[in-house]
Amino acid sequence: MKNNKEKSEIEKSKVHIIVEIIEYVPNAVVSRTILKKATGNVTVSSFDAGEELAEKSSPFDNYIQIIDGNAELTIDGKAMQLKLGQGIIIPAHARHSFNADEQFKMVSTIIKSGYED
């Protein structure tokens, strides 16, 4: 029997279509873990239109890639539009937030090891 950690990750050595891993849920932001390790994690998230992720910061760089739709991302007060297929690195310690003018999905990759200021 698998433990809870294994159940929360995507099955290894099995092909998947990243944009189909997670569905849109009305009036919600939903996330699913692809990989979660002590050294970092990869997560896929869906945002319904009108939803937002409140401003926060992280002690690690965070690579974001849009896999469906378009997203509004604000980093340290500077708003930008990210389109399907585009990616950006949110720098460690930067204040950032997401706003969904329309539905979008993204992959977030955080690597904690080897971090230097």
N, C-alpha and C. Protein backbone atom coordinates (compact mmCIF):
# COMPACT_ATOMS: atom_id res chain seq x y z
N MET A 1 0.85 -1.20 0.00
CA MET A 1 0.00 0.00 0.00
C MET A 1 0.88 1.25 0.00
N LYS A 2 0.52 2.23 -0.81
CA LYS A 2 1.29 3.47 -0.89
C LYS A 2 1.00 4.36 0.31
N ASN A 3 2.00 5.15 0.70
CA ASN A 3 1.73 6.11 1.77
C ASN A 3 1.11 7.37 1.19
N ASN A 4 0.64 8.28 2.05
CA ASN A 4 -0.05 9.49 1.59
C ASN A 4 0.81 10.35 0.69
N LYS A 5 2.10 10.45 0.97
CA LYS A 5 2.99 11.27 0.15
C LYS A 5 3.00 10.76 -1.28
N GLU A 6 3.10 9.46 -1.46
CA GLU A 6 3.12 8.90 -2.79
C GLU A 6 1.79 9.14 -3.51
N LYS A 7 0.68 9.06 -2.80
CA LYS A 7 -0.62 9.28 -3.41
C LYS A 7 -0.80 10.72 -3.87
N SER A 8 -0.14 11.66 -3.22
CA SER A 8 -0.33 13.06 -3.56
C SER A 8 0.48 13.47 -4.79
N GLU A 9 1.48 12.68 -5.16
CA GLU A 9 2.30 13.00 -6.32
C GLU A 9 1.73 12.31 -7.57
N ILE A 10 2.16 12.79 -8.72
CA ILE A 10 1.81 12.15 -9.99
C ILE A 10 2.58 10.82 -10.06
N GLU A 11 1.95 9.82 -10.64
CA GLU A 11 2.60 8.51 -10.73
C GLU A 11 3.87 8.60 -11.57
N LYS A 12 4.95 8.04 -11.04
CA LYS A 12 6.25 8.09 -11.73
C LYS A 12 6.29 7.08 -12.88
N SER A 13 7.13 7.36 -13.87
CA SER A 13 7.33 6.51 -15.05
C SER A 13 6.05 6.30 -15.84
N LYS A 14 5.10 7.23 -15.74
CA LYS A 14 3.86 7.15 -16.49
C LYS A 14 3.65 8.48 -17.23
N VAL A 15 3.46 8.42 -18.52
CA VAL A 15 3.27 9.61 -19.34
C VAL A 15 1.97 10.31 -18.95
N HIS A 16 2.01 11.63 -18.92
CA HIS A 16 0.80 12.41 -18.64
C HIS A 16 0.81 13.66 -19.51
N ILE A 17 -0.34 14.28 -19.63
CA ILE A 17 -0.47 15.56 -20.34
C ILE A 17 -0.65 16.61 -19.26
N ILE A 18 0.33 17.47 -19.11
CA ILE A 18 0.40 18.40 -17.97
C ILE A 18 -0.86 19.24 -17.82
N VAL A 19 -1.41 19.74 -18.90
CA VAL A 19 -2.57 20.63 -18.80
C VAL A 19 -3.83 19.87 -18.36
N GLU A 20 -3.82 18.54 -18.49
CA GLU A 20 -4.98 17.73 -18.10
C GLU A 20 -4.88 17.19 -16.68
N ILE A 21 -3.78 17.44 -15.99
CA ILE A 21 -3.59 16.92 -14.63
C ILE A 21 -4.57 17.56 -13.65
N ILE A 22 -4.97 18.78 -13.94
CA ILE A 22 -5.84 19.51 -13.03
C ILE A 22 -6.96 20.17 -13.82
N GLU A 23 -8.14 20.20 -13.24
CA GLU A 23 -9.30 20.81 -13.88
C GLU A 23 -9.59 22.18 -13.26
N TYR A 24 -10.38 22.96 -13.95
CA TYR A 24 -10.87 24.21 -13.37
C TYR A 24 -12.03 23.90 -12.43
N VAL A 25 -12.08 24.59 -11.30
CA VAL A 25 -13.17 24.47 -10.36
C VAL A 25 -13.78 25.86 -10.22
N PRO A 26 -15.12 25.99 -10.38
CA PRO A 26 -15.74 27.32 -10.28
C PRO A 26 -15.39 28.03 -8.98
N ASN A 27 -15.04 29.30 -9.09
CA ASN A 27 -14.75 30.16 -7.94
C ASN A 27 -13.63 29.63 -7.05
N ALA A 28 -12.60 29.03 -7.67
CA ALA A 28 -11.54 28.44 -6.84
C ALA A 28 -10.18 28.48 -7.52
N VAL A 29 -9.15 28.39 -6.67
CA VAL A 29 -7.78 28.14 -7.10
C VAL A 29 -7.48 26.74 -6.58
N VAL A 30 -7.05 25.85 -7.47
CA VAL A 30 -6.78 24.46 -7.11
C VAL A 30 -5.34 24.12 -7.47
N SER A 31 -4.65 23.39 -6.60
CA SER A 31 -3.27 22.98 -6.86
C SER A 31 -3.12 21.48 -6.68
N ARG A 32 -2.22 20.91 -7.46
CA ARG A 32 -1.90 19.49 -7.33
C ARG A 32 -0.38 19.33 -7.41
N THR A 33 0.16 18.53 -6.51
CA THR A 33 1.59 18.30 -6.46
C THR A 33 2.01 17.31 -7.53
N ILE A 34 3.04 17.68 -8.29
CA ILE A 34 3.62 16.75 -9.25
C ILE A 34 4.76 16.01 -8.56
N LEU A 35 5.66 16.77 -7.92
CA LEU A 35 6.76 16.22 -7.12
C LEU A 35 6.93 17.08 -5.88
N LYS A 36 7.19 16.43 -4.75
CA LYS A 36 7.44 17.16 -3.51
C LYS A 36 8.61 16.50 -2.80
N LYS A 37 9.70 17.24 -2.67
CA LYS A 37 10.90 16.74 -2.02
C LYS A 37 11.41 17.79 -1.04
N ALA A 38 12.29 17.40 -0.15
CA ALA A 38 12.87 18.35 0.80
C ALA A 38 13.63 19.45 0.06
N THR A 39 14.14 19.15 -1.13
CA THR A 39 14.94 20.10 -1.90
C THR A 39 14.12 20.96 -2.84
N GLY A 40 12.80 20.76 -2.88
CA GLY A 40 11.96 21.60 -3.73
C GLY A 40 10.72 20.85 -4.18
N ASN A 41 9.89 21.54 -4.96
CA ASN A 41 8.67 20.90 -5.43
C ASN A 41 8.22 21.47 -6.77
N VAL A 42 7.38 20.69 -7.43
CA VAL A 42 6.75 21.10 -8.69
C VAL A 42 5.25 20.94 -8.47
N THR A 43 4.50 22.01 -8.76
CA THR A 43 3.07 22.03 -8.54
C THR A 43 2.37 22.57 -9.77
N VAL A 44 1.20 22.05 -10.08
CA VAL A 44 0.37 22.61 -11.14
C VAL A 44 -0.87 23.20 -10.47
N SER A 45 -1.28 24.39 -10.92
CA SER A 45 -2.42 25.07 -10.33
C SER A 45 -3.37 25.57 -11.41
N SER A 46 -4.66 25.60 -11.07
CA SER A 46 -5.67 26.20 -11.96
C SER A 46 -6.36 27.32 -11.20
N PHE A 47 -6.61 28.41 -11.90
CA PHE A 47 -7.29 29.58 -11.35
C PHE A 47 -8.55 29.82 -12.16
N ASP A 48 -9.70 29.86 -11.51
CA ASP A 48 -10.92 30.23 -12.22
C ASP A 48 -10.91 31.74 -12.44
N ALA A 49 -11.62 32.20 -13.46
CA ALA A 49 -11.70 33.64 -13.73
C ALA A 49 -12.19 34.38 -12.50
N GLY A 50 -11.53 35.49 -12.18
CA GLY A 50 -11.91 36.31 -11.03
C GLY A 50 -11.19 35.94 -9.74
N GLU A 51 -10.44 34.84 -9.75
CA GLU A 51 -9.73 34.42 -8.54
C GLU A 51 -8.36 35.08 -8.48
N GLU A 52 -7.77 35.07 -7.29
CA GLU A 52 -6.43 35.64 -7.12
C GLU A 52 -5.69 34.88 -6.04
N LEU A 53 -4.38 35.02 -6.06
CA LEU A 53 -3.53 34.48 -5.02
C LEU A 53 -2.91 35.69 -4.34
N ALA A 54 -3.22 35.88 -3.07
CA ALA A 54 -2.80 37.07 -2.34
C ALA A 54 -1.29 37.24 -2.34
N GLU A 55 -0.86 38.48 -2.18
CA GLU A 55 0.56 38.80 -2.19
C GLU A 55 1.30 38.03 -1.10
N LYS A 56 2.45 37.48 -1.48
CA LYS A 56 3.30 36.75 -0.54
C LYS A 56 4.73 36.78 -1.06
N SER A 57 5.64 36.21 -0.31
CA SER A 57 7.01 36.06 -0.78
C SER A 57 7.51 34.69 -0.36
N SER A 58 8.59 34.25 -0.98
CA SER A 58 9.19 32.95 -0.69
C SER A 58 10.69 33.15 -0.57
N PRO A 59 11.36 32.36 0.28
CA PRO A 59 12.82 32.50 0.40
C PRO A 59 13.58 31.88 -0.77
N PHE A 60 12.85 31.34 -1.77
CA PHE A 60 13.49 30.67 -2.90
C PHE A 60 12.97 31.22 -4.22
N ASP A 61 13.81 31.14 -5.26
CA ASP A 61 13.36 31.46 -6.61
C ASP A 61 12.23 30.50 -6.98
N ASN A 62 11.27 31.00 -7.79
CA ASN A 62 10.13 30.19 -8.20
C ASN A 62 9.94 30.37 -9.71
N TYR A 63 10.09 29.28 -10.46
CA TYR A 63 9.89 29.34 -11.90
C TYR A 63 8.42 29.04 -12.20
N ILE A 64 7.77 29.95 -12.92
CA ILE A 64 6.36 29.83 -13.29
C ILE A 64 6.27 29.68 -14.80
N GLN A 65 5.44 28.73 -15.26
CA GLN A 65 5.16 28.60 -16.69
C GLN A 65 3.65 28.47 -16.87
N ILE A 66 3.10 29.28 -17.77
CA ILE A 66 1.67 29.25 -18.07
C ILE A 66 1.41 28.13 -19.08
N ILE A 67 0.50 27.21 -18.73
CA ILE A 67 0.21 26.07 -19.60
C ILE A 67 -1.20 26.11 -20.19
N ASP A 68 -2.01 27.10 -19.76
CA ASP A 68 -3.34 27.30 -20.34
C ASP A 68 -3.79 28.71 -19.99
N GLY A 69 -4.33 29.43 -20.96
CA GLY A 69 -4.85 30.77 -20.71
C GLY A 69 -3.76 31.81 -20.53
N ASN A 70 -4.12 32.91 -19.87
CA ASN A 70 -3.21 34.03 -19.61
C ASN A 70 -3.37 34.45 -18.16
N ALA A 71 -2.28 34.90 -17.55
CA ALA A 71 -2.30 35.27 -16.13
C ALA A 71 -1.75 36.67 -15.94
N GLU A 72 -2.24 37.34 -14.90
CA GLU A 72 -1.65 38.60 -14.48
C GLU A 72 -0.81 38.31 -13.24
N LEU A 73 0.46 38.65 -13.31
CA LEU A 73 1.39 38.44 -12.20
C LEU A 73 1.97 39.79 -11.82
N THR A 74 2.00 40.07 -10.53
CA THR A 74 2.62 41.29 -10.02
C THR A 74 3.81 40.88 -9.17
N ILE A 75 4.98 41.42 -9.51
CA ILE A 75 6.21 41.17 -8.75
C ILE A 75 6.73 42.51 -8.25
N ASP A 76 6.83 42.64 -6.92
CA ASP A 76 7.30 43.89 -6.30
C ASP A 76 6.61 45.12 -6.89
N GLY A 77 5.29 45.04 -7.03
CA GLY A 77 4.49 46.17 -7.48
C GLY A 77 4.41 46.36 -8.98
N LYS A 78 5.14 45.56 -9.77
CA LYS A 78 5.13 45.69 -11.23
C LYS A 78 4.24 44.60 -11.83
N ALA A 79 3.11 45.01 -12.42
CA ALA A 79 2.16 44.06 -13.02
C ALA A 79 2.59 43.71 -14.43
N MET A 80 2.39 42.43 -14.80
CA MET A 80 2.70 41.97 -16.15
C MET A 80 1.73 40.87 -16.55
N GLN A 81 1.54 40.72 -17.85
CA GLN A 81 0.69 39.66 -18.38
C GLN A 81 1.57 38.52 -18.86
N LEU A 82 1.23 37.31 -18.45
CA LEU A 82 1.93 36.11 -18.93
C LEU A 82 0.97 35.36 -19.83
N LYS A 83 1.41 35.05 -21.04
CA LYS A 83 0.58 34.36 -22.02
C LYS A 83 0.93 32.88 -22.07
N LEU A 84 0.05 32.10 -22.65
CA LEU A 84 0.25 30.67 -22.82
C LEU A 84 1.65 30.38 -23.34
N GLY A 85 2.36 29.50 -22.66
CA GLY A 85 3.70 29.10 -23.06
C GLY A 85 4.82 29.95 -22.47
N GLN A 86 4.47 31.11 -21.90
CA GLN A 86 5.51 31.96 -21.33
C GLN A 86 5.85 31.53 -19.91
N GLY A 87 7.09 31.83 -19.52
CA GLY A 87 7.55 31.53 -18.18
C GLY A 87 8.31 32.71 -17.61
N ILE A 88 8.48 32.69 -16.28
CA ILE A 88 9.21 33.76 -15.60
C ILE A 88 9.74 33.22 -14.28
N ILE A 89 10.85 33.74 -13.83
CA ILE A 89 11.38 33.40 -12.51
C ILE A 89 10.99 34.51 -11.55
N ILE A 90 10.25 34.15 -10.51
CA ILE A 90 9.95 35.10 -9.44
C ILE A 90 11.15 35.03 -8.49
N PRO A 91 11.88 36.13 -8.32
CA PRO A 91 13.08 36.08 -7.48
C PRO A 91 12.75 35.79 -6.01
N ALA A 92 13.67 35.12 -5.35
CA ALA A 92 13.53 34.86 -3.92
C ALA A 92 13.27 36.18 -3.20
N HIS A 93 12.41 36.16 -2.20
CA HIS A 93 12.07 37.28 -1.33
C HIS A 93 11.25 38.38 -2.00
N ALA A 94 10.93 38.24 -3.29
CA ALA A 94 10.11 39.26 -3.98
C ALA A 94 8.65 39.09 -3.58
N ARG A 95 7.97 40.20 -3.31
CA ARG A 95 6.53 40.16 -3.05
C ARG A 95 5.84 39.92 -4.39
N HIS A 96 4.91 38.97 -4.43
CA HIS A 96 4.24 38.66 -5.69
C HIS A 96 2.81 38.19 -5.45
N SER A 97 1.98 38.36 -6.48
CA SER A 97 0.59 37.91 -6.43
C SER A 97 0.13 37.57 -7.84
N PHE A 98 -0.93 36.76 -7.91
CA PHE A 98 -1.52 36.38 -9.19
C PHE A 98 -2.97 36.84 -9.22
N ASN A 99 -3.43 37.23 -10.41
CA ASN A 99 -4.81 37.62 -10.60
C ASN A 99 -5.29 36.97 -11.90
N ALA A 100 -6.48 36.37 -11.85
CA ALA A 100 -7.03 35.69 -13.02
C ALA A 100 -8.15 36.51 -13.64
N ASP A 101 -7.80 37.32 -14.64
CA ASP A 101 -8.84 38.02 -15.41
C ASP A 101 -9.62 37.00 -16.23
N GLU A 102 -8.97 35.88 -16.53
CA GLU A 102 -9.58 34.75 -17.22
C GLU A 102 -9.00 33.48 -16.59
N GLN A 103 -9.59 32.34 -16.90
CA GLN A 103 -9.05 31.08 -16.38
C GLN A 103 -7.62 30.88 -16.87
N PHE A 104 -6.78 30.34 -15.99
CA PHE A 104 -5.45 29.94 -16.44
C PHE A 104 -4.92 28.82 -15.57
N LYS A 105 -3.93 28.10 -16.14
CA LYS A 105 -3.22 27.05 -15.42
C LYS A 105 -1.74 27.33 -15.51
N MET A 106 -1.01 26.95 -14.44
CA MET A 106 0.43 27.20 -14.43
C MET A 106 1.15 26.07 -13.72
N VAL A 107 2.43 25.93 -14.05
CA VAL A 107 3.32 25.02 -13.35
C VAL A 107 4.29 25.89 -12.56
N SER A 108 4.47 25.55 -11.30
CA SER A 108 5.38 26.26 -10.40
C SER A 108 6.49 25.30 -9.97
N THR A 109 7.76 25.71 -10.15
CA THR A 109 8.89 24.88 -9.77
C THR A 109 9.79 25.65 -8.81
N ILE A 110 9.95 25.11 -7.61
CA ILE A 110 10.81 25.72 -6.60
C ILE A 110 11.92 24.71 -6.29
N ILE A 111 13.17 25.17 -6.39
CA ILE A 111 14.32 24.35 -6.04
C ILE A 111 15.00 24.99 -4.83
N LYS A 112 15.02 24.28 -3.72
CA LYS A 112 15.52 24.83 -2.46
C LYS A 112 17.00 24.60 -2.25
N SER A 113 17.58 23.57 -2.87
CA SER A 113 18.98 23.26 -2.61
C SER A 113 19.91 24.20 -3.38
N GLY A 114 21.07 24.45 -2.81
CA GLY A 114 22.07 25.26 -3.48
C GLY A 114 21.71 26.72 -3.58
N TYR A 115 20.76 27.17 -2.75
CA TYR A 115 20.32 28.56 -2.83
C TYR A 115 21.38 29.49 -2.24
N GLU A 116 21.64 30.57 -2.95
CA GLU A 116 22.54 31.62 -2.46
C GLU A 116 21.85 32.96 -2.66
N ASP A 117 22.04 33.88 -1.70
CA ASP A 117 21.47 35.23 -1.83
C ASP A 117 22.18 36.01 -2.92
